[in-house]
Amino acid sequence: MPRNAAAPAVGLALAALATLVWSGSFVTSRALHDSVPPVQHAFWRWVVALVVVAPFGARQAWRQRRVIGRHAGFVLLASLLGVTLYNTLVNEAGRTTPAATMGMIMAASPVLMALFERASGVRFGGRRVAGLLIACGGVLLLVGEGADFGPGDAWMIAATCCFAAYSALLRRRPAELGGAGFLLTTFLVGAVLLLPAQGVSLAVQGGFEPSYETVLPLLYVGIVSSAVAFFTWNKAIALVGAARAGVVYYLQPVCVSLLSWVLLGEQTGWGQALCMVLIVGGVVLGAAGRR
């Protein structure tokens, strides 16, 4: 296929891969809620991600150091939203909120992504709008059918806003900032911004005990959910835009509900399953819509 013709399909596939991987990170946040403090969970996640990405992005980041310096404000904001705040808030929500509910709330982020893009002048076709509304309706029904809201929901709503803003911001990434170098830089800046909170957490809550049950999940979120998923999501945004990638992101509550049922024993009823059909149908319709 010609490159321009293949780009939408590749972008949507990358967005779906990132969505699936991030669904597993919600389950991980819930599984570690009583063994690893939220800030330490986030900090070590990005330390692992830095080690993984450094061989691929360090040289590029060094070559682009002047470009990064010129766009320091953009890099700082992207790091704060997508690295420092988003995952820390998700981990905090996981202390009291079931993983399936976290996925349902997070599914509101594509609406915010679309609003951010629409505010910047991007127009949507009828099929895209219809898919967005159908998927959004499925999410609302899913929340009403199966969610039991707790104190962690406010943290999850804040995380949703951060992720949507980060995704919309990526669309405006300066062309001079390369993929791996930019990714490494945001991981590094985000981890540095977490250092004060990490120190407070260690002083107040103490460290966690390294074990099979804690280290393996941290390796998963550091390698797969950070290095792999962020690269694929950023590439998807570059290929198809935040709004179209965001429609695919509606698959998140479906994936989270299934994973939490299999791995954590959280139950999913028939009402939730029917709502998931609406979400998937809206994703297919919205992803296929043209501008």
Protein backbone atom coordinates (compact mmCIF):
# COMPACT_ATOMS: atom_id res chain seq x y z
CA MET A 1 0.00 0.00 0.00
CA PRO A 2 1.20 3.57 -0.57
CA ARG A 3 2.54 5.18 2.54
CA ASN A 4 -0.27 7.73 2.83
CA ALA A 5 -2.92 5.05 2.34
CA ALA A 6 -1.41 2.76 4.95
CA ALA A 7 -0.91 5.47 7.59
CA PRO A 8 -4.48 5.45 9.00
CA ALA A 9 -4.52 1.65 9.38
CA VAL A 10 -1.10 1.63 11.03
CA GLY A 11 -2.06 4.51 13.32
CA LEU A 12 -5.27 2.80 14.45
CA ALA A 13 -3.44 -0.49 15.05
CA LEU A 14 -0.82 1.30 17.18
CA ALA A 15 -3.55 3.08 19.16
CA ALA A 16 -5.27 -0.27 19.80
CA LEU A 17 -2.00 -1.84 20.96
CA ALA A 18 -1.31 1.02 23.38
CA THR A 19 -4.88 0.80 24.68
CA LEU A 20 -4.57 -2.93 25.37
CA VAL A 21 -1.23 -2.51 27.13
CA TRP A 22 -2.45 0.39 29.27
CA SER A 23 -5.48 -1.66 30.29
CA GLY A 24 -3.06 -4.04 31.95
CA SER A 25 -1.46 -1.15 33.84
CA PHE A 26 -4.84 -0.32 35.46
CA VAL A 27 -5.04 -3.88 36.69
CA THR A 28 -1.46 -3.58 37.96
CA SER A 29 -2.26 -0.36 39.83
CA ARG A 30 -5.16 -2.11 41.53
CA ALA A 31 -3.13 -5.23 42.29
CA LEU A 32 -0.32 -3.21 43.97
CA HIS A 33 -2.60 -0.83 45.88
CA ASP A 34 -1.75 -2.30 49.31
CA SER A 35 1.89 -3.22 48.73
CA VAL A 36 3.52 -0.32 46.80
CA PRO A 37 2.68 3.34 47.59
CA PRO A 38 1.29 5.20 44.53
CA VAL A 39 4.17 7.68 44.17
CA GLN A 40 6.82 4.97 44.51
CA HIS A 41 4.92 2.85 41.99
CA ALA A 42 5.06 5.73 39.49
CA PHE A 43 8.67 6.66 40.24
CA TRP A 44 10.12 3.18 39.76
CA ARG A 45 7.96 2.72 36.68
CA TRP A 46 9.75 5.63 35.01
CA VAL A 47 13.16 4.59 36.26
CA VAL A 48 12.67 1.22 34.54
CA ALA A 49 11.34 2.96 31.42
CA LEU A 50 14.41 5.23 31.31
CA VAL A 51 16.76 2.24 31.43
CA VAL A 52 14.85 0.57 28.57
CA VAL A 53 14.56 3.63 26.31
CA ALA A 54 18.05 5.07 26.92
CA PRO A 55 19.89 2.81 24.41
CA PHE A 56 17.48 3.91 21.66
CA GLY A 57 16.94 7.56 22.51
CA ALA A 58 20.01 8.89 24.35
CA ARG A 59 22.05 9.68 21.24
CA GLN A 60 19.10 11.31 19.51
CA ALA A 61 18.22 13.35 22.59
CA TRP A 62 21.82 14.57 22.84
CA ARG A 63 21.87 15.60 19.17
CA GLN A 64 18.60 17.46 19.69
CA ARG A 65 19.59 19.12 22.95
CA ARG A 66 19.43 22.62 21.47
CA VAL A 67 16.02 21.91 19.93
CA ILE A 68 14.82 20.54 23.26
CA GLY A 69 16.12 23.68 24.96
CA ARG A 70 14.20 25.91 22.52
CA HIS A 71 10.99 23.98 23.23
CA ALA A 72 11.63 23.49 26.95
CA GLY A 73 8.16 24.74 27.87
CA PHE A 74 6.46 22.19 25.62
CA VAL A 75 8.67 19.35 26.91
CA LEU A 76 8.05 20.35 30.53
CA LEU A 77 4.27 20.48 30.08
CA ALA A 78 4.16 17.14 28.23
CA SER A 79 6.31 15.52 30.94
CA LEU A 80 4.18 16.93 33.74
CA LEU A 81 0.86 15.84 32.22
CA GLY A 82 1.78 12.50 30.66
CA VAL A 83 4.46 11.21 33.04
CA THR A 84 4.47 12.88 36.44
CA LEU A 85 0.76 13.43 37.06
CA TYR A 86 -1.19 10.94 34.96
CA ASN A 87 0.21 7.65 36.23
CA THR A 88 0.58 8.86 39.82
CA LEU A 89 -3.11 9.81 39.85
CA VAL A 90 -4.05 6.42 38.37
CA ASN A 91 -2.07 4.65 41.09
CA GLU A 92 -3.73 6.78 43.76
CA ALA A 93 -7.16 5.92 42.34
CA GLY A 94 -6.27 2.22 42.38
CA ARG A 95 -6.05 2.26 46.17
CA THR A 96 -9.85 2.41 46.53
CA THR A 97 -11.41 2.09 43.06
CA PRO A 98 -11.87 -1.26 41.23
CA ALA A 99 -9.89 -1.62 38.01
CA ALA A 100 -13.05 -1.96 35.88
CA THR A 101 -14.41 1.32 37.25
CA MET A 102 -11.08 3.02 36.57
CA GLY A 103 -11.29 1.90 32.96
CA MET A 104 -14.87 3.18 32.66
CA ILE A 105 -13.96 6.63 33.94
CA MET A 106 -10.84 6.74 31.79
CA ALA A 107 -12.98 6.05 28.73
CA ALA A 108 -14.24 9.63 28.95
CA SER A 109 -10.83 10.89 27.78
CA PRO A 110 -11.59 10.53 24.03
CA VAL A 111 -14.44 13.03 24.41
CA LEU A 112 -12.00 15.51 25.92
CA MET A 113 -9.43 14.76 23.20
CA ALA A 114 -12.04 15.45 20.52
CA LEU A 115 -13.07 18.69 22.23
CA PHE A 116 -9.46 19.83 22.42
CA GLU A 117 -8.95 19.09 18.72
CA ARG A 118 -12.25 20.71 17.75
CA ALA A 119 -11.26 23.83 19.66
CA SER A 120 -8.06 23.97 17.59
CA GLY A 121 -10.06 23.97 14.36
CA VAL A 122 -10.19 20.28 13.37
CA ARG A 123 -13.52 19.29 11.81
CA PHE A 124 -15.17 15.87 12.11
CA GLY A 125 -17.35 14.04 9.63
CA GLY A 126 -20.79 12.65 10.40
CA ARG A 127 -19.57 9.07 10.86
CA ARG A 128 -16.86 10.19 13.30
CA VAL A 129 -19.38 12.16 15.36
CA ALA A 130 -21.86 9.27 15.31
CA GLY A 131 -19.20 6.78 16.44
CA LEU A 132 -18.10 9.14 19.18
CA LEU A 133 -21.66 9.53 20.48
CA ILE A 134 -22.43 5.79 20.33
CA ALA A 135 -19.24 4.86 22.15
CA CYS A 136 -19.81 7.63 24.69
CA GLY A 137 -23.36 6.38 25.27
CA GLY A 138 -22.02 2.88 25.85
CA VAL A 139 -19.57 4.21 28.42
CA LEU A 140 -22.29 6.14 30.26
CA LEU A 141 -24.54 3.07 30.35
CA LEU A 142 -21.61 0.93 31.46
CA VAL A 143 -20.84 3.27 34.35
CA GLY A 144 -24.48 3.37 35.40
CA GLU A 145 -24.76 -0.40 35.16
CA GLY A 146 -21.64 -1.53 36.91
CA ALA A 147 -19.76 1.20 38.72
CA ASP A 148 -19.71 1.60 42.49
CA PHE A 149 -18.14 5.02 42.95
CA GLY A 150 -15.65 5.50 45.74
CA PRO A 151 -13.19 8.14 46.91
CA GLY A 152 -10.67 7.17 44.23
CA ASP A 153 -12.99 8.31 41.44
CA ALA A 154 -11.96 11.95 41.86
CA TRP A 155 -8.31 10.93 41.37
CA MET A 156 -9.30 8.97 38.27
CA ILE A 157 -11.22 11.92 36.81
CA ALA A 158 -8.14 14.10 37.30
CA ALA A 159 -6.00 11.45 35.60
CA THR A 160 -8.43 11.39 32.67
CA CYS A 161 -8.13 15.14 32.20
CA CYS A 162 -4.31 14.93 32.30
CA PHE A 163 -4.18 12.16 29.71
CA ALA A 164 -6.58 13.92 27.33
CA ALA A 165 -4.60 17.15 27.58
CA TYR A 166 -1.33 15.26 26.99
CA SER A 167 -2.73 13.50 23.91
CA ALA A 168 -4.06 16.74 22.43
CA LEU A 169 -0.72 18.42 23.16
CA LEU A 170 1.17 15.76 21.21
CA ARG A 171 -0.57 16.88 18.04
CA ARG A 172 1.33 20.17 18.37
CA ARG A 173 4.71 18.57 18.99
CA PRO A 174 7.42 20.47 17.08
CA ALA A 175 8.56 18.51 14.05
CA GLU A 176 12.20 18.82 15.12
CA LEU A 177 11.63 16.70 18.22
CA GLY A 178 12.29 13.08 17.22
CA GLY A 179 10.34 10.14 18.62
CA ALA A 180 12.82 8.21 20.79
CA GLY A 181 14.72 11.31 21.90
CA PHE A 182 11.52 13.12 22.84
CA LEU A 183 10.23 10.05 24.67
CA LEU A 184 13.43 9.68 26.69
CA THR A 185 13.44 13.38 27.55
CA THR A 186 9.85 13.37 28.82
CA PHE A 187 10.52 10.23 30.88
CA LEU A 188 13.60 11.85 32.43
CA VAL A 189 11.94 15.19 33.16
CA GLY A 190 8.84 13.45 34.52
CA ALA A 191 10.91 11.25 36.85
CA VAL A 192 12.88 14.27 38.09
CA LEU A 193 9.62 16.10 38.83
CA LEU A 194 8.55 13.08 40.89
CA LEU A 195 11.70 13.11 43.04
CA PRO A 196 10.36 15.44 45.79
CA ALA A 197 7.16 13.39 46.13
CA GLN A 198 9.25 10.19 46.14
CA GLY A 199 11.33 11.52 49.04
CA VAL A 200 8.21 12.46 51.02
CA SER A 201 6.66 9.04 50.35
CA LEU A 202 9.77 7.21 51.57
CA ALA A 203 9.93 9.35 54.70
CA VAL A 204 6.25 9.04 55.58
CA GLN A 205 5.19 5.64 54.20
CA GLY A 206 8.50 3.80 54.06
CA GLY A 207 9.72 1.70 51.18
CA PHE A 208 8.10 -1.45 49.84
CA GLU A 209 9.49 -4.97 50.03
CA PRO A 210 10.92 -6.19 46.70
CA SER A 211 9.39 -9.55 45.85
CA TYR A 212 8.04 -11.57 42.96
CA GLU A 213 4.62 -9.97 43.45
CA THR A 214 5.94 -6.38 43.34
CA VAL A 215 8.97 -6.41 41.02
CA LEU A 216 7.35 -8.21 38.08
CA PRO A 217 4.37 -5.81 37.88
CA LEU A 218 6.77 -2.84 38.08
CA LEU A 219 8.83 -4.30 35.24
CA TYR A 220 5.63 -4.69 33.21
CA VAL A 221 4.52 -1.10 33.69
CA GLY A 222 8.07 0.19 33.18
CA ILE A 223 8.88 -1.75 30.02
CA VAL A 224 5.58 -2.51 28.31
CA SER A 225 3.16 0.12 29.64
CA SER A 226 5.72 2.95 29.47
CA ALA A 227 8.44 2.38 26.89
CA VAL A 228 6.34 0.40 24.39
CA ALA A 229 2.88 1.88 24.91
CA PHE A 230 3.94 5.54 25.00
CA PHE A 231 5.98 5.12 21.82
CA THR A 232 3.09 3.44 19.98
CA TRP A 233 0.53 5.98 21.27
CA ASN A 234 2.71 8.97 20.30
CA LYS A 235 3.19 7.46 16.84
CA ALA A 236 -0.55 6.84 16.52
CA ILE A 237 -1.27 10.49 17.38
CA ALA A 238 1.21 11.60 14.72
CA LEU A 239 -0.43 9.38 12.08
CA VAL A 240 -4.17 9.80 12.74
CA GLY A 241 -4.56 12.58 15.30
CA ALA A 242 -5.74 12.58 18.90
CA ALA A 243 -9.47 12.48 18.07
CA ARG A 244 -9.36 9.35 15.89
CA ALA A 245 -6.89 7.58 18.19
CA GLY A 246 -9.15 8.62 21.06
CA VAL A 247 -12.09 6.78 19.50
CA VAL A 248 -10.05 3.57 19.60
CA TYR A 249 -9.27 4.36 23.22
CA TYR A 250 -12.93 3.68 23.99
CA LEU A 251 -11.91 0.01 23.95
CA GLN A 252 -10.17 0.64 27.27
CA PRO A 253 -13.09 -0.22 29.59
CA VAL A 254 -13.74 -3.39 27.61
CA CYS A 255 -10.13 -4.52 27.95
CA VAL A 256 -9.87 -3.48 31.60
CA SER A 257 -13.11 -5.26 32.55
CA LEU A 258 -11.99 -8.48 30.89
CA LEU A 259 -8.50 -8.37 32.38
CA SER A 260 -9.76 -7.49 35.86
CA TRP A 261 -12.25 -10.36 35.65
CA VAL A 262 -9.55 -12.86 34.61
CA LEU A 263 -6.72 -11.64 36.84
CA LEU A 264 -8.43 -10.06 39.85
CA GLY A 265 -11.78 -11.84 39.95
CA GLU A 266 -13.80 -8.62 39.51
CA GLN A 267 -17.18 -9.59 38.09
CA THR A 268 -18.64 -8.33 34.80
CA GLY A 269 -22.40 -8.73 34.30
CA TRP A 270 -24.50 -9.15 31.17
CA GLY A 271 -25.52 -5.49 31.29
CA GLN A 272 -21.88 -4.46 31.16
CA ALA A 273 -21.23 -6.87 28.29
CA LEU A 274 -24.08 -5.36 26.24
CA CYS A 275 -22.75 -1.86 26.87
CA MET A 276 -19.33 -3.01 25.68
CA VAL A 277 -20.93 -4.00 22.36
CA LEU A 278 -22.01 -0.37 21.95
CA ILE A 279 -18.50 0.82 22.75
CA VAL A 280 -16.89 -1.50 20.21
CA GLY A 281 -19.48 -0.57 17.57
CA GLY A 282 -18.85 3.11 18.15
CA VAL A 283 -15.11 2.57 17.91
CA VAL A 284 -15.43 0.80 14.55
CA LEU A 285 -17.76 3.46 13.16
CA GLY A 286 -15.77 6.41 14.48
CA ALA A 287 -12.39 5.05 13.44
CA ALA A 288 -13.65 4.45 9.89
CA GLY A 289 -15.14 7.96 9.54
CA ARG A 290 -13.30 10.43 7.32
CA ARG A 291 -12.84 14.17 7.77
